[in-house]
Amino acid sequence: MNKENQSQQINIELGEKEAEGIYSNLAIITHSPAEFVIDFTRVLPGVNKAKVFARVITTPQHAKMLLKALTENVEKYEARFGEIKLEGHPQQPFGFVSNSKTEKIN
């Protein structure tokens, strides 16, 4: 293999706080021509207020790569454990929504 085809190994450090993770059942996604912003929130029954627990800001290219990786992993999950059902969800999108910002560029 030449140097261009060799994969680069990256050591990733996972801090104790980050290893605990966060629970999110609502993500609000906005975008501009330059970036995607994903706010991960949590909605609790009887509470009409949601707090943002994490915000991820990324490029459109990385957002598309994330979409591809999530799609591949959902397919692998369903192949192993069966189809993920989306039963009982209302017609209106709730949980993971897009809140697109449209900007006119001259």
N, C-alpha and C. Protein backbone atom coordinates (compact mmCIF):
# COMPACT_ATOMS: atom_id res chain seq x y z
N MET A 1 0.83 -1.20 0.00
CA MET A 1 0.00 0.00 0.00
C MET A 1 0.87 1.25 0.00
N ASN A 2 0.45 2.23 -0.75
CA ASN A 2 1.19 3.48 -0.71
C ASN A 2 0.65 4.35 0.42
N LYS A 3 1.31 5.44 0.72
CA LYS A 3 0.94 6.30 1.84
C LYS A 3 -0.46 6.87 1.71
N GLU A 4 -0.91 7.12 0.48
CA GLU A 4 -2.24 7.69 0.28
C GLU A 4 -3.35 6.73 0.65
N ASN A 5 -3.14 5.43 0.48
CA ASN A 5 -4.17 4.43 0.75
C ASN A 5 -4.18 3.94 2.20
N GLN A 6 -3.15 4.23 2.96
CA GLN A 6 -3.10 3.79 4.34
C GLN A 6 -4.06 4.63 5.18
N SER A 7 -4.77 3.96 6.07
CA SER A 7 -5.69 4.71 6.93
C SER A 7 -4.91 5.29 8.10
N GLN A 8 -5.34 6.45 8.51
CA GLN A 8 -4.69 7.14 9.62
C GLN A 8 -5.39 6.74 10.90
N GLN A 9 -4.65 6.34 11.91
CA GLN A 9 -5.22 5.98 13.19
C GLN A 9 -5.27 7.22 14.07
N ILE A 10 -6.43 7.45 14.67
CA ILE A 10 -6.61 8.60 15.56
C ILE A 10 -6.95 8.08 16.94
N ASN A 11 -6.20 8.52 17.93
CA ASN A 11 -6.51 8.17 19.31
C ASN A 11 -7.52 9.18 19.84
N ILE A 12 -8.66 8.67 20.30
CA ILE A 12 -9.73 9.54 20.78
C ILE A 12 -9.81 9.43 22.29
N GLU A 13 -9.78 10.58 22.94
CA GLU A 13 -9.88 10.62 24.40
C GLU A 13 -11.33 10.88 24.79
N LEU A 14 -11.85 10.06 25.69
CA LEU A 14 -13.21 10.20 26.17
C LEU A 14 -13.16 10.53 27.65
N GLY A 15 -13.53 11.78 27.98
CA GLY A 15 -13.52 12.22 29.37
C GLY A 15 -14.62 11.54 30.17
N GLU A 16 -14.48 11.56 31.48
CA GLU A 16 -15.45 10.90 32.37
C GLU A 16 -16.85 11.49 32.20
N LYS A 17 -16.96 12.80 32.15
CA LYS A 17 -18.26 13.45 31.99
C LYS A 17 -18.89 13.07 30.65
N GLU A 18 -18.10 13.13 29.58
CA GLU A 18 -18.61 12.80 28.25
C GLU A 18 -18.99 11.32 28.15
N ALA A 19 -18.28 10.45 28.86
CA ALA A 19 -18.58 9.02 28.83
C ALA A 19 -19.96 8.71 29.41
N GLU A 20 -20.43 9.55 30.31
CA GLU A 20 -21.77 9.36 30.87
C GLU A 20 -22.84 9.59 29.82
N GLY A 21 -22.57 10.44 28.86
CA GLY A 21 -23.51 10.74 27.79
C GLY A 21 -24.68 11.58 28.29
N ILE A 22 -25.57 11.92 27.38
CA ILE A 22 -26.80 12.62 27.73
C ILE A 22 -27.95 11.89 27.05
N TYR A 23 -29.12 11.99 27.62
CA TYR A 23 -30.32 11.43 26.99
C TYR A 23 -31.04 12.56 26.28
N SER A 24 -31.42 12.31 25.03
CA SER A 24 -32.14 13.30 24.24
C SER A 24 -33.28 12.61 23.50
N ASN A 25 -34.48 13.20 23.60
CA ASN A 25 -35.60 12.68 22.82
C ASN A 25 -36.18 13.76 21.90
N LEU A 26 -35.44 14.84 21.75
CA LEU A 26 -35.83 15.91 20.83
C LEU A 26 -34.57 16.57 20.31
N ALA A 27 -34.43 16.62 18.99
CA ALA A 27 -33.31 17.32 18.38
C ALA A 27 -33.88 18.33 17.40
N ILE A 28 -33.38 19.54 17.48
CA ILE A 28 -33.81 20.61 16.59
C ILE A 28 -32.63 20.91 15.67
N ILE A 29 -32.87 20.83 14.38
CA ILE A 29 -31.80 20.99 13.40
C ILE A 29 -32.06 22.24 12.57
N THR A 30 -31.07 23.13 12.56
CA THR A 30 -31.14 24.32 11.72
C THR A 30 -29.89 24.36 10.84
N HIS A 31 -29.97 25.12 9.77
CA HIS A 31 -28.79 25.21 8.92
C HIS A 31 -28.75 26.54 8.19
N SER A 32 -27.55 26.88 7.79
CA SER A 32 -27.29 28.04 6.95
C SER A 32 -26.44 27.51 5.79
N PRO A 33 -26.06 28.35 4.86
CA PRO A 33 -25.20 27.85 3.78
C PRO A 33 -23.86 27.30 4.28
N ALA A 34 -23.41 27.72 5.45
CA ALA A 34 -22.08 27.34 5.93
C ALA A 34 -22.06 26.25 6.99
N GLU A 35 -23.20 26.01 7.68
CA GLU A 35 -23.14 25.07 8.80
C GLU A 35 -24.51 24.47 9.13
N PHE A 36 -24.46 23.34 9.83
CA PHE A 36 -25.63 22.71 10.42
C PHE A 36 -25.48 22.82 11.93
N VAL A 37 -26.58 23.12 12.61
CA VAL A 37 -26.60 23.20 14.06
C VAL A 37 -27.64 22.20 14.56
N ILE A 38 -27.21 21.29 15.44
CA ILE A 38 -28.12 20.30 16.01
C ILE A 38 -28.16 20.52 17.52
N ASP A 39 -29.34 20.89 18.02
CA ASP A 39 -29.55 21.07 19.46
C ASP A 39 -30.25 19.84 20.00
N PHE A 40 -29.61 19.16 20.95
CA PHE A 40 -30.18 17.98 21.58
C PHE A 40 -30.84 18.39 22.89
N THR A 41 -32.14 18.15 22.97
CA THR A 41 -32.92 18.54 24.14
C THR A 41 -33.65 17.32 24.70
N ARG A 42 -34.34 17.54 25.80
CA ARG A 42 -35.11 16.48 26.44
C ARG A 42 -36.46 17.04 26.82
N VAL A 43 -37.53 16.36 26.38
CA VAL A 43 -38.89 16.76 26.72
C VAL A 43 -39.43 15.74 27.71
N LEU A 44 -39.99 16.24 28.82
CA LEU A 44 -40.55 15.36 29.84
C LEU A 44 -42.06 15.54 29.89
N PRO A 45 -42.80 14.48 30.18
CA PRO A 45 -44.26 14.59 30.27
C PRO A 45 -44.68 15.64 31.30
N GLY A 46 -45.65 16.47 30.92
CA GLY A 46 -46.17 17.49 31.82
C GLY A 46 -45.32 18.74 31.94
N VAL A 47 -44.20 18.78 31.26
CA VAL A 47 -43.32 19.95 31.32
C VAL A 47 -43.33 20.60 29.93
N ASN A 48 -43.69 21.88 29.88
CA ASN A 48 -43.79 22.55 28.58
C ASN A 48 -42.54 23.34 28.23
N LYS A 49 -41.43 23.00 28.84
CA LYS A 49 -40.17 23.68 28.58
C LYS A 49 -39.10 22.62 28.35
N ALA A 50 -38.25 22.84 27.37
CA ALA A 50 -37.15 21.91 27.08
C ALA A 50 -35.83 22.66 27.13
N LYS A 51 -34.84 22.04 27.75
CA LYS A 51 -33.51 22.64 27.87
C LYS A 51 -32.59 21.98 26.87
N VAL A 52 -31.72 22.77 26.22
CA VAL A 52 -30.70 22.22 25.33
C VAL A 52 -29.57 21.68 26.20
N PHE A 53 -29.27 20.39 26.02
CA PHE A 53 -28.21 19.75 26.80
C PHE A 53 -26.90 19.67 26.02
N ALA A 54 -27.00 19.72 24.70
CA ALA A 54 -25.79 19.68 23.87
C ALA A 54 -26.10 20.33 22.53
N ARG A 55 -25.14 21.02 22.00
CA ARG A 55 -25.26 21.63 20.67
C ARG A 55 -24.05 21.18 19.85
N VAL A 56 -24.34 20.68 18.65
CA VAL A 56 -23.27 20.27 17.74
C VAL A 56 -23.36 21.17 16.51
N ILE A 57 -22.26 21.81 16.17
CA ILE A 57 -22.19 22.67 14.99
C ILE A 57 -21.19 22.02 14.04
N THR A 58 -21.61 21.81 12.80
CA THR A 58 -20.76 21.11 11.85
C THR A 58 -20.95 21.66 10.44
N THR A 59 -20.07 21.28 9.55
CA THR A 59 -20.16 21.71 8.16
C THR A 59 -21.22 20.88 7.43
N PRO A 60 -21.74 21.39 6.31
CA PRO A 60 -22.68 20.58 5.53
C PRO A 60 -22.09 19.23 5.10
N GLN A 61 -20.81 19.21 4.76
CA GLN A 61 -20.17 17.96 4.35
C GLN A 61 -20.16 16.96 5.50
N HIS A 62 -19.81 17.41 6.70
CA HIS A 62 -19.79 16.51 7.85
C HIS A 62 -21.20 16.09 8.26
N ALA A 63 -22.18 16.96 8.08
CA ALA A 63 -23.57 16.59 8.36
C ALA A 63 -23.99 15.45 7.44
N LYS A 64 -23.61 15.53 6.17
CA LYS A 64 -23.97 14.47 5.22
C LYS A 64 -23.24 13.18 5.57
N MET A 65 -21.98 13.28 5.99
CA MET A 65 -21.23 12.09 6.41
C MET A 65 -21.87 11.47 7.65
N LEU A 66 -22.36 12.30 8.58
CA LEU A 66 -23.05 11.79 9.77
C LEU A 66 -24.33 11.08 9.37
N LEU A 67 -25.09 11.66 8.44
CA LEU A 67 -26.31 11.02 7.94
C LEU A 67 -26.00 9.65 7.37
N LYS A 68 -24.95 9.56 6.57
CA LYS A 68 -24.55 8.29 5.96
C LYS A 68 -24.17 7.28 7.05
N ALA A 69 -23.38 7.71 8.03
CA ALA A 69 -22.96 6.80 9.10
C ALA A 69 -24.16 6.33 9.93
N LEU A 70 -25.09 7.23 10.22
CA LEU A 70 -26.29 6.84 10.98
C LEU A 70 -27.14 5.85 10.17
N THR A 71 -27.30 6.11 8.87
CA THR A 71 -28.07 5.22 8.01
C THR A 71 -27.45 3.82 8.00
N GLU A 72 -26.14 3.75 7.83
CA GLU A 72 -25.45 2.46 7.81
C GLU A 72 -25.62 1.73 9.14
N ASN A 73 -25.52 2.46 10.25
CA ASN A 73 -25.62 1.83 11.56
C ASN A 73 -27.05 1.40 11.88
N VAL A 74 -28.05 2.15 11.45
CA VAL A 74 -29.44 1.73 11.64
C VAL A 74 -29.69 0.45 10.84
N GLU A 75 -29.18 0.39 9.62
CA GLU A 75 -29.33 -0.82 8.80
C GLU A 75 -28.67 -2.02 9.47
N LYS A 76 -27.47 -1.84 10.02
CA LYS A 76 -26.78 -2.94 10.72
C LYS A 76 -27.57 -3.36 11.97
N TYR A 77 -28.08 -2.40 12.71
CA TYR A 77 -28.87 -2.68 13.91
C TYR A 77 -30.10 -3.51 13.54
N GLU A 78 -30.84 -3.05 12.51
CA GLU A 78 -32.06 -3.74 12.11
C GLU A 78 -31.77 -5.13 11.56
N ALA A 79 -30.65 -5.32 10.89
CA ALA A 79 -30.27 -6.64 10.40
C ALA A 79 -30.03 -7.60 11.56
N ARG A 80 -29.53 -7.08 12.66
CA ARG A 80 -29.22 -7.92 13.82
C ARG A 80 -30.41 -8.08 14.76
N PHE A 81 -31.15 -7.00 15.03
CA PHE A 81 -32.18 -7.02 16.06
C PHE A 81 -33.61 -6.89 15.53
N GLY A 82 -33.78 -6.64 14.26
CA GLY A 82 -35.10 -6.46 13.67
C GLY A 82 -35.42 -4.99 13.46
N GLU A 83 -36.50 -4.78 12.71
CA GLU A 83 -36.89 -3.42 12.33
C GLU A 83 -37.22 -2.56 13.55
N ILE A 84 -36.78 -1.32 13.50
CA ILE A 84 -37.12 -0.34 14.53
C ILE A 84 -38.49 0.22 14.16
N LYS A 85 -39.45 0.01 15.01
CA LYS A 85 -40.83 0.46 14.74
C LYS A 85 -41.00 1.92 15.17
N LEU A 86 -41.75 2.66 14.39
CA LEU A 86 -42.08 4.05 14.71
C LEU A 86 -43.58 4.17 14.95
N GLU A 87 -44.15 3.20 15.64
CA GLU A 87 -45.58 3.17 15.89
C GLU A 87 -45.97 4.19 16.96
N GLY A 88 -47.23 4.64 16.86
CA GLY A 88 -47.77 5.50 17.90
C GLY A 88 -47.29 6.94 17.84
N HIS A 89 -46.57 7.30 16.81
CA HIS A 89 -46.12 8.68 16.69
C HIS A 89 -47.17 9.50 15.97
N PRO A 90 -47.42 10.73 16.43
CA PRO A 90 -48.41 11.57 15.77
C PRO A 90 -47.97 11.94 14.36
N GLN A 91 -48.92 12.40 13.57
CA GLN A 91 -48.63 12.81 12.20
C GLN A 91 -47.64 13.97 12.16
N GLN A 92 -47.77 14.88 13.11
CA GLN A 92 -46.84 16.01 13.17
C GLN A 92 -45.47 15.50 13.62
N PRO A 93 -44.40 15.97 13.00
CA PRO A 93 -43.07 15.53 13.42
C PRO A 93 -42.79 15.98 14.85
N PHE A 94 -42.33 15.05 15.65
CA PHE A 94 -41.97 15.36 17.02
C PHE A 94 -40.78 14.51 17.40
N GLY A 95 -39.84 15.08 18.02
CA GLY A 95 -38.68 14.31 18.43
C GLY A 95 -37.44 14.78 17.70
N PHE A 96 -37.44 14.68 16.38
CA PHE A 96 -36.29 15.10 15.61
C PHE A 96 -36.82 15.89 14.43
N VAL A 97 -36.66 17.20 14.49
CA VAL A 97 -37.29 18.09 13.51
C VAL A 97 -36.26 18.98 12.85
N SER A 98 -36.59 19.43 11.67
CA SER A 98 -35.76 20.37 10.94
C SER A 98 -36.39 21.74 11.02
N ASN A 99 -35.59 22.71 11.37
CA ASN A 99 -36.05 24.10 11.47
C ASN A 99 -35.13 24.91 10.58
N SER A 100 -35.30 24.75 9.27
CA SER A 100 -34.37 25.32 8.29
C SER A 100 -34.41 26.84 8.26
N LYS A 101 -33.24 27.43 8.24
CA LYS A 101 -33.12 28.87 8.02
C LYS A 101 -32.84 29.05 6.54
N THR A 102 -33.67 29.78 5.87
CA THR A 102 -33.40 30.03 4.46
C THR A 102 -32.88 31.46 4.35
N GLU A 103 -31.73 31.57 3.76
CA GLU A 103 -31.11 32.87 3.59
C GLU A 103 -30.91 33.15 2.12
N LYS A 104 -31.28 34.34 1.71
CA LYS A 104 -31.09 34.74 0.32
C LYS A 104 -29.69 35.32 0.16
N ILE A 105 -28.95 34.74 -0.76
CA ILE A 105 -27.59 35.20 -1.02
C ILE A 105 -27.55 35.88 -2.38
N ASN A 106 -27.10 37.13 -2.40
CA ASN A 106 -27.02 37.87 -3.66
C ASN A 106 -25.66 37.70 -4.29
